[in-house]
């Protein structure tokens, strides 16, 4: 091996969505009467991009509000800065 050569490092990468979806509560009414009530469907989430080196457990994570090619490119750019 050349003295300046670095060993190859292997990372496993994935992205996951974490969030909260509110549930609709139940309303008690008389038999045959449709319940009427106000509710708001809320959904808040974020995406976590990560890469882990299984051999050492070393990891790199970035949080995003959504998933698209520009987010993934930014993850790759930041990852390449952290592990040149």
PDB file of N, CA and C in Angstrom:
ATOM      1  N   UNK A   1       0.848  -1.180   0.000  1.00  0.00           N
ATOM      2  CA  UNK A   1       0.000   0.000   0.000  1.00  0.00           C
ATOM      3  C   UNK A   1       0.888   1.237   0.000  1.00  0.00           C
ATOM      4  N   UNK A   2       0.498   2.211  -0.770  1.00  0.00           N
ATOM      5  CA  UNK A   2       1.241   3.466  -0.855  1.00  0.00           C
ATOM      6  C   UNK A   2       1.173   4.166   0.499  1.00  0.00           C
ATOM      7  N   UNK A   3       2.254   4.820   0.942  1.00  0.00           N
ATOM      8  CA  UNK A   3       2.263   5.472   2.266  1.00  0.00           C
ATOM      9  C   UNK A   3       1.207   6.568   2.416  1.00  0.00           C
ATOM     10  N   UNK A   4       0.810   7.213   1.320  1.00  0.00           N
ATOM     11  CA  UNK A   4      -0.191   8.275   1.403  1.00  0.00           C
ATOM     12  C   UNK A   4      -1.616   7.754   1.238  1.00  0.00           C
ATOM     13  N   UNK A   5      -1.761   6.496   0.907  1.00  0.00           N
ATOM     14  CA  UNK A   5      -3.093   5.929   0.656  1.00  0.00           C
ATOM     15  C   UNK A   5      -3.848   5.756   1.977  1.00  0.00           C
ATOM     16  N   UNK A   6      -5.147   6.065   1.931  1.00  0.00           N
ATOM     17  CA  UNK A   6      -6.010   5.879   3.097  1.00  0.00           C
ATOM     18  C   UNK A   6      -6.875   4.639   2.875  1.00  0.00           C
ATOM     19  N   UNK A   7      -7.194   3.939   3.945  1.00  0.00           N
ATOM     20  CA  UNK A   7      -8.076   2.784   3.766  1.00  0.00           C
ATOM     21  C   UNK A   7      -9.482   3.245   3.365  1.00  0.00           C
ATOM     22  N   UNK A   8     -10.198   2.399   2.661  1.00  0.00           N
ATOM     23  CA  UNK A   8     -11.567   2.719   2.243  1.00  0.00           C
ATOM     24  C   UNK A   8     -12.487   2.572   3.444  1.00  0.00           C
ATOM     25  N   UNK A   9     -13.350   3.560   3.618  1.00  0.00           N
ATOM     26  CA  UNK A   9     -14.341   3.516   4.697  1.00  0.00           C
ATOM     27  C   UNK A   9     -15.711   3.287   4.073  1.00  0.00           C
ATOM     28  N   UNK A  10     -16.495   2.413   4.683  1.00  0.00           N
ATOM     29  CA  UNK A  10     -17.834   2.104   4.190  1.00  0.00           C
ATOM     30  C   UNK A  10     -18.878   2.681   5.119  1.00  0.00           C
ATOM     31  N   UNK A  11     -19.835   3.411   4.564  1.00  0.00           N
ATOM     32  CA  UNK A  11     -20.942   3.988   5.320  1.00  0.00           C
ATOM     33  C   UNK A  11     -22.256   3.488   4.739  1.00  0.00           C
ATOM     34  N   UNK A  12     -23.228   3.250   5.597  1.00  0.00           N
ATOM     35  CA  UNK A  12     -24.588   2.927   5.175  1.00  0.00           C
ATOM     36  C   UNK A  12     -25.425   4.191   5.365  1.00  0.00           C
ATOM     37  N   UNK A  13     -26.250   4.546   4.351  1.00  0.00           N
ATOM     38  CA  UNK A  13     -27.009   5.797   4.392  1.00  0.00           C
ATOM     39  C   UNK A  13     -28.493   5.511   4.241  1.00  0.00           C
ATOM     40  N   UNK A  14     -29.314   6.321   4.925  1.00  0.00           N
ATOM     41  CA  UNK A  14     -30.759   6.235   4.778  1.00  0.00           C
ATOM     42  C   UNK A  14     -31.368   7.547   5.252  1.00  0.00           C
ATOM     43  N   UNK A  15     -32.641   7.740   4.917  1.00  0.00           N
ATOM     44  CA  UNK A  15     -33.370   8.900   5.422  1.00  0.00           C
ATOM     45  C   UNK A  15     -34.697   8.403   5.982  1.00  0.00           C
ATOM     46  N   UNK A  16     -35.163   9.093   7.025  1.00  0.00           N
ATOM     47  CA  UNK A  16     -36.406   8.694   7.684  1.00  0.00           C
ATOM     48  C   UNK A  16     -37.208   9.927   8.051  1.00  0.00           C
ATOM     49  N   UNK A  17     -38.538   9.752   8.054  1.00  0.00           N
ATOM     50  CA  UNK A  17     -39.431  10.839   8.446  1.00  0.00           C
ATOM     51  C   UNK A  17     -39.910  10.575   9.867  1.00  0.00           C
ATOM     52  N   UNK A  18     -39.853  11.615  10.690  1.00  0.00           N
ATOM     53  CA  UNK A  18     -40.345  11.553  12.058  1.00  0.00           C
ATOM     54  C   UNK A  18     -41.407  12.631  12.205  1.00  0.00           C
ATOM     55  N   UNK A  19     -42.526  12.282  12.785  1.00  0.00           N
ATOM     56  CA  UNK A  19     -43.565  13.286  12.891  1.00  0.00           C
ATOM     57  C   UNK A  19     -44.665  12.909  13.851  1.00  0.00           C
ATOM     58  N   UNK A  20     -45.630  13.811  13.933  1.00  0.00           N
ATOM     59  CA  UNK A  20     -46.769  13.666  14.824  1.00  0.00           C
ATOM     60  C   UNK A  20     -48.027  13.926  14.022  1.00  0.00           C
ATOM     61  N   UNK A  21     -48.948  12.992  14.056  1.00  0.00           N
ATOM     62  CA  UNK A  21     -50.242  13.169  13.415  1.00  0.00           C
ATOM     63  C   UNK A  21     -51.284  13.122  14.524  1.00  0.00           C
ATOM     64  N   UNK A  22     -52.044  14.178  14.635  1.00  0.00           N
ATOM     65  CA  UNK A  22     -53.049  14.215  15.695  1.00  0.00           C
ATOM     66  C   UNK A  22     -54.180  13.253  15.387  1.00  0.00           C
ATOM     67  N   UNK A  23     -54.814  12.749  16.421  1.00  0.00           N
ATOM     68  CA  UNK A  23     -55.921  11.813  16.274  1.00  0.00           C
ATOM     69  C   UNK A  23     -57.239  12.511  16.558  1.00  0.00           C
ATOM     70  N   UNK A  24     -58.269  12.057  15.880  1.00  0.00           N
ATOM     71  CA  UNK A  24     -59.596  12.618  16.098  1.00  0.00           C
ATOM     72  C   UNK A  24     -60.189  11.951  17.338  1.00  0.00           C
ATOM     73  N   UNK A  25     -60.700  12.751  18.254  1.00  0.00           N
ATOM     74  CA  UNK A  25     -61.336  12.204  19.449  1.00  0.00           C
ATOM     75  C   UNK A  25     -62.740  11.710  19.158  1.00  0.00           C
ATOM     76  N   UNK A  26     -63.315  11.005  20.085  1.00  0.00           N
ATOM     77  CA  UNK A  26     -64.671  10.487  19.924  1.00  0.00           C
ATOM     78  C   UNK A  26     -65.655  11.389  20.654  1.00  0.00           C
ATOM     79  N   UNK A  27     -66.860  11.451  20.125  1.00  0.00           N
ATOM     80  CA  UNK A  27     -67.919  12.257  20.720  1.00  0.00           C
ATOM     81  C   UNK A  27     -69.120  11.344  20.977  1.00  0.00           C
ATOM     82  N   UNK A  28     -69.683  11.430  22.160  1.00  0.00           N
ATOM     83  CA  UNK A  28     -70.856  10.621  22.492  1.00  0.00           C
ATOM     84  C   UNK A  28     -72.111  11.380  22.078  1.00  0.00           C
ATOM     85  N   UNK A  29     -72.981  10.706  21.312  1.00  0.00           N
ATOM     86  CA  UNK A  29     -74.249  11.306  20.881  1.00  0.00           C
ATOM     87  C   UNK A  29     -75.353  10.262  21.045  1.00  0.00           C
ATOM     88  N   UNK A  30     -76.563  10.708  20.852  1.00  0.00           N
ATOM     89  CA  UNK A  30     -77.701   9.787  20.887  1.00  0.00           C
ATOM     90  C   UNK A  30     -77.637   8.864  19.679  1.00  0.00           C
ATOM     91  N   UNK A  31     -78.225   7.711  19.791  1.00  0.00           N
ATOM     92  CA  UNK A  31     -78.226   6.720  18.722  1.00  0.00           C
ATOM     93  C   UNK A  31     -78.841   7.327  17.460  1.00  0.00           C
ATOM     94  N   UNK A  32     -78.132   7.237  16.342  1.00  0.00           N
ATOM     95  CA  UNK A  32     -78.621   7.749  15.078  1.00  0.00           C
ATOM     96  C   UNK A  32     -78.318   9.215  14.828  1.00  0.00           C
ATOM     97  N   UNK A  33     -77.726   9.904  15.791  1.00  0.00           N
ATOM     98  CA  UNK A  33     -77.393  11.321  15.629  1.00  0.00           C
ATOM     99  C   UNK A  33     -75.916  11.432  15.260  1.00  0.00           C
ATOM    100  N   UNK A  34     -75.661  12.095  14.140  1.00  0.00           N
ATOM    101  CA  UNK A  34     -74.283  12.269  13.695  1.00  0.00           C
ATOM    102  C   UNK A  34     -73.570  13.292  14.579  1.00  0.00           C
ATOM    103  N   UNK A  35     -72.415  12.954  15.106  1.00  0.00           N
ATOM    104  CA  UNK A  35     -71.705  13.916  15.952  1.00  0.00           C
ATOM    105  C   UNK A  35     -71.174  15.084  15.130  1.00  0.00           C
ATOM    106  N   UNK A  36     -71.287  16.267  15.668  1.00  0.00           N
ATOM    107  CA  UNK A  36     -70.770  17.471  15.032  1.00  0.00           C
ATOM    108  C   UNK A  36     -69.769  18.093  15.999  1.00  0.00           C
ATOM    109  N   UNK A  37     -68.600  18.324  15.515  1.00  0.00           N
ATOM    110  CA  UNK A  37     -67.576  18.910  16.370  1.00  0.00           C
ATOM    111  C   UNK A  37     -66.463  19.486  15.523  1.00  0.00           C
ATOM    112  N   UNK A  38     -65.677  20.319  16.118  1.00  0.00           N
ATOM    113  CA  UNK A  38     -64.562  20.919  15.413  1.00  0.00           C
ATOM    114  C   UNK A  38     -63.293  20.127  15.719  1.00  0.00           C
ATOM    115  N   UNK A  39     -62.482  19.988  14.724  1.00  0.00           N
ATOM    116  CA  UNK A  39     -61.186  19.374  14.906  1.00  0.00           C
ATOM    117  C   UNK A  39     -60.252  19.909  13.831  1.00  0.00           C
ATOM    118  N   UNK A  40     -59.012  19.827  14.100  1.00  0.00           N
ATOM    119  CA  UNK A  40     -58.024  20.314  13.145  1.00  0.00           C
ATOM    120  C   UNK A  40     -57.031  19.191  12.891  1.00  0.00           C
ATOM    121  N   UNK A  41     -56.842  18.863  11.636  1.00  0.00           N
ATOM    122  CA  UNK A  41     -55.894  17.834  11.268  1.00  0.00           C
ATOM    123  C   UNK A  41     -54.499  18.454  11.225  1.00  0.00           C
ATOM    124  N   UNK A  42     -53.690  18.121  12.180  1.00  0.00           N
ATOM    125  CA  UNK A  42     -52.334  18.663  12.244  1.00  0.00           C
ATOM    126  C   UNK A  42     -51.339  17.575  11.900  1.00  0.00           C
ATOM    127  N   UNK A  43     -50.339  17.945  11.183  1.00  0.00           N
ATOM    128  CA  UNK A  43     -49.269  17.008  10.883  1.00  0.00           C
ATOM    129  C   UNK A  43     -47.979  17.798  10.824  1.00  0.00           C
ATOM    130  N   UNK A  44     -47.072  17.475  11.710  1.00  0.00           N
ATOM    131  CA  UNK A  44     -45.765  18.126  11.727  1.00  0.00           C
ATOM    132  C   UNK A  44     -44.720  17.026  11.641  1.00  0.00           C
ATOM    133  N   UNK A  45     -43.764  17.224  10.763  1.00  0.00           N
ATOM    134  CA  UNK A  45     -42.749  16.198  10.587  1.00  0.00           C
ATOM    135  C   UNK A  45     -41.431  16.828  10.150  1.00  0.00           C
ATOM    136  N   UNK A  46     -40.394  16.044  10.282  1.00  0.00           N
ATOM    137  CA  UNK A  46     -39.085  16.434   9.770  1.00  0.00           C
ATOM    138  C   UNK A  46     -38.409  15.177   9.244  1.00  0.00           C
ATOM    139  N   UNK A  47     -37.432  15.369   8.387  1.00  0.00           N
ATOM    140  CA  UNK A  47     -36.685  14.273   7.800  1.00  0.00           C
ATOM    141  C   UNK A  47     -35.274  14.278   8.344  1.00  0.00           C
ATOM    142  N   UNK A  48     -34.778  13.096   8.655  1.00  0.00           N
ATOM    143  CA  UNK A  48     -33.431  12.941   9.160  1.00  0.00           C
ATOM    144  C   UNK A  48     -32.649  12.097   8.165  1.00  0.00           C
ATOM    145  N   UNK A  49     -31.602  12.682   7.606  1.00  0.00           N
ATOM    146  CA  UNK A  49     -30.696  11.968   6.714  1.00  0.00           C
ATOM    147  C   UNK A  49     -29.510  11.531   7.556  1.00  0.00           C
ATOM    148  N   UNK A  50     -29.060  10.319   7.385  1.00  0.00           N
ATOM    149  CA  UNK A  50     -27.941   9.860   8.185  1.00  0.00           C
ATOM    150  C   UNK A  50     -27.078   8.849   7.466  1.00  0.00           C
ATOM    151  N   UNK A  51     -25.834   8.773   7.903  1.00  0.00           N
ATOM    152  CA  UNK A  51     -24.892   7.772   7.406  1.00  0.00           C
ATOM    153  C   UNK A  51     -24.117   7.243   8.604  1.00  0.00           C
ATOM    154  N   UNK A  52     -23.953   5.933   8.662  1.00  0.00           N
ATOM    155  CA  UNK A  52     -23.259   5.286   9.782  1.00  0.00           C
ATOM    156  C   UNK A  52     -22.210   4.340   9.227  1.00  0.00           C
ATOM    157  N   UNK A  53     -21.057   4.369   9.843  1.00  0.00           N
ATOM    158  CA  UNK A  53     -20.001   3.427   9.492  1.00  0.00           C
ATOM    159  C   UNK A  53     -20.138   2.219  10.427  1.00  0.00           C
ATOM    160  N   UNK A  54     -20.601   1.077   9.923  1.00  0.00           N
ATOM    161  CA  UNK A  54     -20.850  -0.071  10.796  1.00  0.00           C
ATOM    162  C   UNK A  54     -19.618  -0.564  11.566  1.00  0.00           C
ATOM    163  N   UNK A  55     -18.447  -0.460  10.959  1.00  0.00           N
ATOM    164  CA  UNK A  55     -17.238  -0.975  11.606  1.00  0.00           C
ATOM    165  C   UNK A  55     -16.877  -0.213  12.877  1.00  0.00           C
ATOM    166  N   UNK A  56     -17.155   1.103  12.895  1.00  0.00           N
ATOM    167  CA  UNK A  56     -16.753   1.922  14.042  1.00  0.00           C
ATOM    168  C   UNK A  56     -17.927   2.522  14.803  1.00  0.00           C
ATOM    169  N   UNK A  57     -19.095   2.573  14.164  1.00  0.00           N
ATOM    170  CA  UNK A  57     -20.250   3.220  14.787  1.00  0.00           C
ATOM    171  C   UNK A  57     -20.250   4.725  14.601  1.00  0.00           C
ATOM    172  N   UNK A  58     -19.262   5.240  13.895  1.00  0.00           N
ATOM    173  CA  UNK A  58     -19.201   6.674  13.641  1.00  0.00           C
ATOM    174  C   UNK A  58     -20.384   7.073  12.760  1.00  0.00           C
ATOM    175  N   UNK A  59     -20.983   8.230  13.039  1.00  0.00           N
ATOM    176  CA  UNK A  59     -22.201   8.599  12.323  1.00  0.00           C
ATOM    177  C   UNK A  59     -22.212  10.072  11.945  1.00  0.00           C
ATOM    178  N   UNK A  60     -23.067  10.382  10.974  1.00  0.00           N
ATOM    179  CA  UNK A  60     -23.244  11.746  10.487  1.00  0.00           C
ATOM    180  C   UNK A  60     -24.720  11.913  10.158  1.00  0.00           C
ATOM    181  N   UNK A  61     -25.366  12.966  10.718  1.00  0.00           N
ATOM    182  CA  UNK A  61     -26.793  13.192  10.509  1.00  0.00           C
ATOM    183  C   UNK A  61     -27.062  14.653  10.180  1.00  0.00           C
ATOM    184  N   UNK A  62     -28.069  14.882   9.333  1.00  0.00           N
ATOM    185  CA  UNK A  62     -28.576  16.222   9.047  1.00  0.00           C
ATOM    186  C   UNK A  62     -30.097  16.168   9.052  1.00  0.00           C
ATOM    187  N   UNK A  63     -30.719  17.228   9.557  1.00  0.00           N
ATOM    188  CA  UNK A  63     -32.179  17.311   9.629  1.00  0.00           C
ATOM    189  C   UNK A  63     -32.689  18.273   8.564  1.00  0.00           C
ATOM    190  N   UNK A  64     -33.774  17.870   7.878  1.00  0.00           N
ATOM    191  CA  UNK A  64     -34.391  18.689   6.840  1.00  0.00           C
ATOM    192  C   UNK A  64     -35.899  18.732   7.044  1.00  0.00           C
ATOM    193  N   UNK A  65     -36.540  19.721   6.438  1.00  0.00           N
ATOM    194  CA  UNK A  65     -37.994  19.847   6.551  1.00  0.00           C
ATOM    195  C   UNK A  65     -38.725  19.015   5.501  1.00  0.00           C
ATOM    196  N   UNK A  66     -38.029  18.560   4.460  1.00  0.00           N
ATOM    197  CA  UNK A  66     -38.655  17.789   3.389  1.00  0.00           C
ATOM    198  C   UNK A  66     -37.584  16.957   2.686  1.00  0.00           C
ATOM    199  N   UNK A  67     -38.007  16.200   1.693  1.00  0.00           N
ATOM    200  CA  UNK A  67     -37.082  15.370   0.924  1.00  0.00           C
ATOM    201  C   UNK A  67     -37.172  15.767  -0.543  1.00  0.00           C
ATOM    202  N   UNK A  68     -36.051  16.078  -1.124  1.00  0.00           N
ATOM    203  CA  UNK A  68     -35.951  16.279  -2.565  1.00  0.00           C
ATOM    204  C   UNK A  68     -34.479  16.192  -2.966  1.00  0.00           C
ATOM    205  N   UNK A  69     -34.212  16.346  -4.253  1.00  0.00           N
ATOM    206  CA  UNK A  69     -32.838  16.179  -4.719  1.00  0.00           C
ATOM    207  C   UNK A  69     -31.896  17.248  -4.177  1.00  0.00           C
ATOM    208  N   UNK A  70     -32.380  18.465  -3.969  1.00  0.00           N
ATOM    209  CA  UNK A  70     -31.490  19.512  -3.442  1.00  0.00           C
ATOM    210  C   UNK A  70     -31.117  19.229  -1.983  1.00  0.00           C
ATOM    211  N   UNK A  71     -32.051  18.687  -1.202  1.00  0.00           N
ATOM    212  CA  UNK A  71     -31.726  18.316   0.186  1.00  0.00           C
ATOM    213  C   UNK A  71     -30.695  17.191   0.210  1.00  0.00           C
ATOM    214  N   UNK A  72     -30.907  16.198  -0.650  1.00  0.00           N
ATOM    215  CA  UNK A  72     -29.972  15.078  -0.681  1.00  0.00           C
ATOM    216  C   UNK A  72     -28.595  15.536  -1.158  1.00  0.00           C
ATOM    217  N   UNK A  73     -28.556  16.438  -2.118  1.00  0.00           N
ATOM    218  CA  UNK A  73     -27.268  16.956  -2.576  1.00  0.00           C
ATOM    219  C   UNK A  73     -26.569  17.715  -1.459  1.00  0.00           C
ATOM    220  N   UNK A  74     -27.330  18.481  -0.693  1.00  0.00           N
ATOM    221  CA  UNK A  74     -26.728  19.201   0.433  1.00  0.00           C
ATOM    222  C   UNK A  74     -26.179  18.213   1.460  1.00  0.00           C
ATOM    223  N   UNK A  75     -26.928  17.128   1.723  1.00  0.00           N
ATOM    224  CA  UNK A  75     -26.429  16.103   2.632  1.00  0.00           C
ATOM    225  C   UNK A  75     -25.109  15.531   2.118  1.00  0.00           C
ATOM    226  N   UNK A  76     -25.050  15.216   0.827  1.00  0.00           N
ATOM    227  CA  UNK A  76     -23.817  14.670   0.261  1.00  0.00           C
ATOM    228  C   UNK A  76     -22.668  15.665   0.344  1.00  0.00           C
ATOM    229  N   UNK A  77     -22.955  16.940   0.085  1.00  0.00           N
ATOM    230  CA  UNK A  77     -21.913  17.967   0.173  1.00  0.00           C
ATOM    231  C   UNK A  77     -21.366  18.079   1.593  1.00  0.00           C
ATOM    232  N   UNK A  78     -22.265  18.117   2.580  1.00  0.00           N
ATOM    233  CA  UNK A  78     -21.830  18.237   3.979  1.00  0.00           C
ATOM    234  C   UNK A  78     -21.109  16.974   4.437  1.00  0.00           C
ATOM    235  N   UNK A  79     -21.599  15.817   3.987  1.00  0.00           N
ATOM    236  CA  UNK A  79     -20.939  14.564   4.345  1.00  0.00           C
ATOM    237  C   UNK A  79     -19.527  14.514   3.778  1.00  0.00           C
ATOM    238  N   UNK A  80     -19.372  14.968   2.537  1.00  0.00           N
ATOM    239  CA  UNK A  80     -18.040  14.944   1.917  1.00  0.00           C
ATOM    240  C   UNK A  80     -17.080  15.930   2.587  1.00  0.00           C
ATOM    241  N   UNK A  81     -17.620  17.005   3.186  1.00  0.00           N
ATOM    242  CA  UNK A  81     -16.765  17.919   3.958  1.00  0.00           C
ATOM    243  C   UNK A  81     -16.317  17.270   5.259  1.00  0.00           C
ATOM    244  N   UNK A  82     -17.233  16.533   5.896  1.00  0.00           N
ATOM    245  CA  UNK A  82     -16.911  15.898   7.170  1.00  0.00           C
ATOM    246  C   UNK A  82     -15.977  14.694   6.994  1.00  0.00           C
ATOM    247  N   UNK A  83     -16.115  14.007   5.859  1.00  0.00           N
ATOM    248  CA  UNK A  83     -15.288  12.818   5.582  1.00  0.00           C
ATOM    249  C   UNK A  83     -14.693  12.945   4.180  1.00  0.00           C
ATOM    250  N   UNK A  84     -13.649  13.770   4.047  1.00  0.00           N
ATOM    251  CA  UNK A  84     -13.071  14.013   2.713  1.00  0.00           C
ATOM    252  C   UNK A  84     -12.411  12.764   2.119  1.00  0.00           C
TER     253      UNK A  84
END
